[in-house]
Amino acid sequence: MKGERKMKKDNFNVKDALVIGSVAGIVSGFVKLGWETLLPPRTPEREATNPPQKFMQQLGIPRKITHSTYTYSGHQMPWASFIIHFGFSATFGMFYSVAGHYLPVIKAGHGTVFGTSVWAATHLMLMPKMKTVPAAKDQPLEEHVSEALGHMAWMWVNHVVIEELRAEEDKKIN
């Protein structure tokens, strides 16, 4: 197995890793949305403007765009927020796919440690500093639980999908 793994590393292709990471990011983005349906991270009052919408407004994008929706099955769905959500997820999937090859330590816990780190960096430090979300101490415990566990599940799904797609690519090569 170790010899096999070495051979796989020699066949590493960054372009393929980016495509695989992007696919994994889209899949894991759907999982994260489902997670937030079961364990909503924000109170109904704060949900009126979610972090992707607030971030876009901070960039100067007008509210009529940041809060734009499409209707599906009678529900108003925030397409602009979805672009940010899936863009974030695909970007981190691509990063994890490539960086995990060169720095295997980031794959500790099958991505759960990395996912927790992303949560801490974004939800506890960066977004509060940018005033996109309240300070960490002012966020409800439910938000921390939902986001921390959700980021662990999100990155674990990235890990599983990336590993599976890489294994399929390796079969084609070998």
C-alpha atoms as a PDB file:
ATOM      1  CA  MET A   1       0.000   0.000   0.000  1.00  0.00           C
ATOM      2  CA  LYS A   2       2.822   2.434   0.809  1.00  0.00           C
ATOM      3  CA  GLY A   3       4.400   1.818  -2.597  1.00  0.00           C
ATOM      4  CA  GLU A   4       1.008   2.333  -4.194  1.00  0.00           C
ATOM      5  CA  ARG A   5       0.531   5.619  -2.327  1.00  0.00           C
ATOM      6  CA  LYS A   6       3.960   6.843  -3.455  1.00  0.00           C
ATOM      7  CA  MET A   7       3.050   6.057  -7.051  1.00  0.00           C
ATOM      8  CA  LYS A   8      -0.177   8.025  -6.666  1.00  0.00           C
ATOM      9  CA  LYS A   9       1.741  11.053  -5.361  1.00  0.00           C
ATOM     10  CA  ASP A  10       4.074  10.899  -8.364  1.00  0.00           C
ATOM     11  CA  ASN A  11       1.009  11.095 -10.630  1.00  0.00           C
ATOM     12  CA  PHE A  12      -0.406  14.176  -8.859  1.00  0.00           C
ATOM     13  CA  ASN A  13      -1.963  16.635 -11.274  1.00  0.00           C
ATOM     14  CA  VAL A  14      -2.869  20.060  -9.871  1.00  0.00           C
ATOM     15  CA  LYS A  15      -5.506  20.725 -12.546  1.00  0.00           C
ATOM     16  CA  ASP A  16      -7.246  17.423 -11.756  1.00  0.00           C
ATOM     17  CA  ALA A  17      -6.989  18.191  -8.031  1.00  0.00           C
ATOM     18  CA  LEU A  18      -8.659  21.568  -8.576  1.00  0.00           C
ATOM     19  CA  VAL A  19     -11.501  20.021 -10.553  1.00  0.00           C
ATOM     20  CA  ILE A  20     -11.947  17.272  -7.955  1.00  0.00           C
ATOM     21  CA  GLY A  21     -11.844  19.831  -5.127  1.00  0.00           C
ATOM     22  CA  SER A  22     -14.404  21.987  -6.881  1.00  0.00           C
ATOM     23  CA  VAL A  23     -16.784  19.045  -7.292  1.00  0.00           C
ATOM     24  CA  ALA A  24     -16.252  18.084  -3.650  1.00  0.00           C
ATOM     25  CA  GLY A  25     -16.919  21.682  -2.609  1.00  0.00           C
ATOM     26  CA  ILE A  26     -20.234  21.774  -4.446  1.00  0.00           C
ATOM     27  CA  VAL A  27     -21.321  18.449  -2.899  1.00  0.00           C
ATOM     28  CA  SER A  28     -20.229  19.544   0.577  1.00  0.00           C
ATOM     29  CA  GLY A  29     -21.973  22.897   0.061  1.00  0.00           C
ATOM     30  CA  PHE A  30     -25.271  21.042  -0.321  1.00  0.00           C
ATOM     31  CA  VAL A  31     -24.502  19.092   2.853  1.00  0.00           C
ATOM     32  CA  LYS A  32     -23.781  22.320   4.758  1.00  0.00           C
ATOM     33  CA  LEU A  33     -27.095  23.819   3.587  1.00  0.00           C
ATOM     34  CA  GLY A  34     -28.898  20.708   4.789  1.00  0.00           C
ATOM     35  CA  TRP A  35     -27.057  20.895   8.102  1.00  0.00           C
ATOM     36  CA  GLU A  36     -28.223  24.474   8.608  1.00  0.00           C
ATOM     37  CA  THR A  37     -31.804  23.414   7.927  1.00  0.00           C
ATOM     38  CA  LEU A  38     -31.601  20.912  10.799  1.00  0.00           C
ATOM     39  CA  LEU A  39     -29.557  23.122  13.162  1.00  0.00           C
ATOM     40  CA  PRO A  40     -30.129  26.758  12.130  1.00  0.00           C
ATOM     41  CA  PRO A  41     -27.074  28.800  13.093  1.00  0.00           C
ATOM     42  CA  ARG A  42     -28.836  32.144  13.369  1.00  0.00           C
ATOM     43  CA  THR A  43     -31.883  33.435  15.172  1.00  0.00           C
ATOM     44  CA  PRO A  44     -34.856  34.373  12.954  1.00  0.00           C
ATOM     45  CA  GLU A  45     -34.092  38.079  13.552  1.00  0.00           C
ATOM     46  CA  ARG A  46     -30.534  37.712  12.243  1.00  0.00           C
ATOM     47  CA  GLU A  47     -31.578  35.436   9.381  1.00  0.00           C
ATOM     48  CA  ALA A  48     -33.187  38.406   7.616  1.00  0.00           C
ATOM     49  CA  THR A  49     -29.670  39.296   6.446  1.00  0.00           C
ATOM     50  CA  ASN A  50     -27.405  36.250   6.453  1.00  0.00           C
ATOM     51  CA  PRO A  51     -23.590  36.557   6.429  1.00  0.00           C
ATOM     52  CA  PRO A  52     -23.208  36.172   2.642  1.00  0.00           C
ATOM     53  CA  GLN A  53     -25.774  38.948   2.080  1.00  0.00           C
ATOM     54  CA  LYS A  54     -24.164  41.199   4.680  1.00  0.00           C
ATOM     55  CA  PHE A  55     -20.703  40.571   3.192  1.00  0.00           C
ATOM     56  CA  MET A  56     -21.922  41.504  -0.283  1.00  0.00           C
ATOM     57  CA  GLN A  57     -23.497  44.678   1.108  1.00  0.00           C
ATOM     58  CA  GLN A  58     -20.184  45.520   2.796  1.00  0.00           C
ATOM     59  CA  LEU A  59     -18.571  45.223  -0.641  1.00  0.00           C
ATOM     60  CA  GLY A  60     -21.039  47.837  -1.912  1.00  0.00           C
ATOM     61  CA  ILE A  61     -23.380  45.486  -3.755  1.00  0.00           C
ATOM     62  CA  PRO A  62     -26.912  46.930  -3.587  1.00  0.00           C
ATOM     63  CA  ARG A  63     -29.494  45.259  -1.348  1.00  0.00           C
ATOM     64  CA  LYS A  64     -31.763  44.638  -4.344  1.00  0.00           C
ATOM     65  CA  ILE A  65     -29.096  42.206  -5.588  1.00  0.00           C
ATOM     66  CA  THR A  66     -27.889  40.798  -2.249  1.00  0.00           C
ATOM     67  CA  HIS A  67     -31.457  39.920  -1.255  1.00  0.00           C
ATOM     68  CA  SER A  68     -32.603  38.790  -4.724  1.00  0.00           C
ATOM     69  CA  THR A  69     -34.431  35.490  -4.793  1.00  0.00           C
ATOM     70  CA  TYR A  70     -35.929  32.976  -7.139  1.00  0.00           C
ATOM     71  CA  THR A  71     -39.095  31.063  -6.376  1.00  0.00           C
ATOM     72  CA  TYR A  72     -39.121  27.301  -6.158  1.00  0.00           C
ATOM     73  CA  SER A  73     -42.106  25.333  -4.918  1.00  0.00           C
ATOM     74  CA  GLY A  74     -43.514  28.492  -3.348  1.00  0.00           C
ATOM     75  CA  HIS A  75     -40.298  29.265  -1.419  1.00  0.00           C
ATOM     76  CA  GLN A  76     -38.156  32.342  -1.948  1.00  0.00           C
ATOM     77  CA  MET A  77     -34.575  31.117  -2.386  1.00  0.00           C
ATOM     78  CA  PRO A  78     -31.645  33.591  -2.047  1.00  0.00           C
ATOM     79  CA  TRP A  79     -29.670  32.972  -5.227  1.00  0.00           C
ATOM     80  CA  ALA A  80     -27.046  35.633  -4.480  1.00  0.00           C
ATOM     81  CA  SER A  81     -26.307  34.044  -1.088  1.00  0.00           C
ATOM     82  CA  PHE A  82     -26.031  30.664  -2.780  1.00  0.00           C
ATOM     83  CA  ILE A  83     -23.353  32.019  -5.126  1.00  0.00           C
ATOM     84  CA  ILE A  84     -21.257  33.111  -2.136  1.00  0.00           C
ATOM     85  CA  HIS A  85     -22.012  29.886  -0.214  1.00  0.00           C
ATOM     86  CA  PHE A  86     -21.045  27.546  -3.046  1.00  0.00           C
ATOM     87  CA  GLY A  87     -18.132  29.748  -4.135  1.00  0.00           C
ATOM     88  CA  PHE A  88     -16.706  29.595  -0.596  1.00  0.00           C
ATOM     89  CA  SER A  89     -17.258  25.848  -0.455  1.00  0.00           C
ATOM     90  CA  ALA A  90     -15.735  25.141  -3.876  1.00  0.00           C
ATOM     91  CA  THR A  91     -12.745  27.374  -3.128  1.00  0.00           C
ATOM     92  CA  PHE A  92     -12.006  25.568   0.120  1.00  0.00           C
ATOM     93  CA  GLY A  93     -12.578  22.211  -1.569  1.00  0.00           C
ATOM     94  CA  MET A  94      -9.972  23.120  -4.194  1.00  0.00           C
ATOM     95  CA  PHE A  95      -7.552  24.409  -1.562  1.00  0.00           C
ATOM     96  CA  TYR A  96      -7.956  21.250   0.534  1.00  0.00           C
ATOM     97  CA  SER A  97      -7.548  19.022  -2.519  1.00  0.00           C
ATOM     98  CA  VAL A  98      -4.236  20.613  -3.526  1.00  0.00           C
ATOM     99  CA  ALA A  99      -2.822  21.594  -0.129  1.00  0.00           C
ATOM    100  CA  GLY A 100      -3.664  18.183   1.327  1.00  0.00           C
ATOM    101  CA  HIS A 101      -1.293  16.629  -1.196  1.00  0.00           C
ATOM    102  CA  TYR A 102       1.619  18.851  -0.202  1.00  0.00           C
ATOM    103  CA  LEU A 103       0.739  19.257   3.498  1.00  0.00           C
ATOM    104  CA  PRO A 104      -0.959  16.013   4.585  1.00  0.00           C
ATOM    105  CA  VAL A 105      -1.262  17.349   8.146  1.00  0.00           C
ATOM    106  CA  ILE A 106      -4.286  19.422   7.068  1.00  0.00           C
ATOM    107  CA  LYS A 107      -6.102  16.129   6.423  1.00  0.00           C
ATOM    108  CA  ALA A 108      -5.975  15.278  10.159  1.00  0.00           C
ATOM    109  CA  GLY A 109      -9.256  13.832  11.341  1.00  0.00           C
ATOM    110  CA  HIS A 110     -10.325  13.349   7.707  1.00  0.00           C
ATOM    111  CA  GLY A 111     -10.747  17.106   7.334  1.00  0.00           C
ATOM    112  CA  THR A 112     -12.601  17.742  10.589  1.00  0.00           C
ATOM    113  CA  VAL A 113      -9.658  19.567  12.189  1.00  0.00           C
ATOM    114  CA  PHE A 114      -9.296  21.758   9.096  1.00  0.00           C
ATOM    115  CA  GLY A 115     -13.051  22.404   9.069  1.00  0.00           C
ATOM    116  CA  THR A 116     -12.922  23.474  12.711  1.00  0.00           C
ATOM    117  CA  SER A 117     -10.010  25.770  11.899  1.00  0.00           C
ATOM    118  CA  VAL A 118     -11.938  27.354   9.021  1.00  0.00           C
ATOM    119  CA  TRP A 119     -14.911  27.931  11.355  1.00  0.00           C
ATOM    120  CA  ALA A 120     -12.732  29.526  14.047  1.00  0.00           C
ATOM    121  CA  ALA A 121     -10.867  31.712  11.566  1.00  0.00           C
ATOM    122  CA  THR A 122     -13.986  32.919   9.743  1.00  0.00           C
ATOM    123  CA  HIS A 123     -16.819  32.909  12.300  1.00  0.00           C
ATOM    124  CA  LEU A 124     -14.886  33.755  15.451  1.00  0.00           C
ATOM    125  CA  MET A 125     -12.220  36.096  14.091  1.00  0.00           C
ATOM    126  CA  LEU A 126     -12.499  37.399  10.528  1.00  0.00           C
ATOM    127  CA  MET A 127     -16.235  38.008  10.114  1.00  0.00           C
ATOM    128  CA  PRO A 128     -16.642  39.611  13.576  1.00  0.00           C
ATOM    129  CA  LYS A 129     -13.634  41.840  12.855  1.00  0.00           C
ATOM    130  CA  MET A 130     -15.280  42.852   9.565  1.00  0.00           C
ATOM    131  CA  LYS A 131     -18.597  43.389  11.424  1.00  0.00           C
ATOM    132  CA  THR A 132     -20.289  40.841   9.156  1.00  0.00           C
ATOM    133  CA  VAL A 133     -21.464  38.923  12.240  1.00  0.00           C
ATOM    134  CA  PRO A 134     -21.502  39.896  15.928  1.00  0.00           C
ATOM    135  CA  ALA A 135     -18.430  39.384  18.082  1.00  0.00           C
ATOM    136  CA  ALA A 136     -17.929  35.733  19.033  1.00  0.00           C
ATOM    137  CA  LYS A 137     -18.961  36.430  22.633  1.00  0.00           C
ATOM    138  CA  ASP A 138     -22.225  37.965  21.378  1.00  0.00           C
ATOM    139  CA  GLN A 139     -23.177  35.009  19.177  1.00  0.00           C
ATOM    140  CA  PRO A 140     -25.591  32.531  20.763  1.00  0.00           C
ATOM    141  CA  LEU A 141     -24.256  29.145  21.854  1.00  0.00           C
ATOM    142  CA  GLU A 142     -26.553  27.520  19.264  1.00  0.00           C
ATOM    143  CA  GLU A 143     -24.749  29.433  16.527  1.00  0.00           C
ATOM    144  CA  HIS A 144     -21.350  28.200  17.713  1.00  0.00           C
ATOM    145  CA  VAL A 145     -22.585  24.602  17.967  1.00  0.00           C
ATOM    146  CA  SER A 146     -24.250  24.638  14.549  1.00  0.00           C
ATOM    147  CA  GLU A 147     -21.355  26.339  12.785  1.00  0.00           C
ATOM    148  CA  ALA A 148     -18.551  24.359  14.462  1.00  0.00           C
ATOM    149  CA  LEU A 149     -20.168  20.961  13.888  1.00  0.00           C
ATOM    150  CA  GLY A 150     -21.400  22.026  10.459  1.00  0.00           C
ATOM    151  CA  HIS A 151     -17.891  23.010   9.372  1.00  0.00           C
ATOM    152  CA  MET A 152     -16.562  19.684  10.615  1.00  0.00           C
ATOM    153  CA  ALA A 153     -19.207  17.778   8.628  1.00  0.00           C
ATOM    154  CA  TRP A 154     -18.697  20.043   5.606  1.00  0.00           C
ATOM    155  CA  MET A 155     -14.948  19.452   5.431  1.00  0.00           C
ATOM    156  CA  TRP A 156     -15.314  15.737   6.205  1.00  0.00           C
ATOM    157  CA  VAL A 157     -17.578  15.467   3.131  1.00  0.00           C
ATOM    158  CA  ASN A 158     -14.950  17.354   1.111  1.00  0.00           C
ATOM    159  CA  HIS A 159     -12.344  14.862   2.321  1.00  0.00           C
ATOM    160  CA  VAL A 160     -14.432  11.793   1.490  1.00  0.00           C
ATOM    161  CA  VAL A 161     -15.439  13.028  -1.971  1.00  0.00           C
ATOM    162  CA  ILE A 162     -11.873  14.108  -2.822  1.00  0.00           C
ATOM    163  CA  GLU A 163     -10.397  10.787  -1.686  1.00  0.00           C
ATOM    164  CA  GLU A 164     -13.008   8.813  -3.616  1.00  0.00           C
ATOM    165  CA  LEU A 165     -12.619  10.825  -6.823  1.00  0.00           C
ATOM    166  CA  ARG A 166      -8.826  10.617  -6.574  1.00  0.00           C
ATOM    167  CA  ALA A 167      -9.041   6.861  -6.144  1.00  0.00           C
ATOM    168  CA  GLU A 168     -11.147   6.688  -9.322  1.00  0.00           C
ATOM    169  CA  GLU A 169      -8.580   8.824 -11.181  1.00  0.00           C
ATOM    170  CA  ASP A 170      -5.753   6.597  -9.896  1.00  0.00           C
ATOM    171  CA  LYS A 171      -7.556   3.530 -11.244  1.00  0.00           C
ATOM    172  CA  LYS A 172      -7.643   5.128 -14.672  1.00  0.00           C
ATOM    173  CA  ILE A 173      -3.924   5.949 -14.530  1.00  0.00           C
ATOM    174  CA  ASN A 174      -2.735   2.601 -13.191  1.00  0.00           C
END
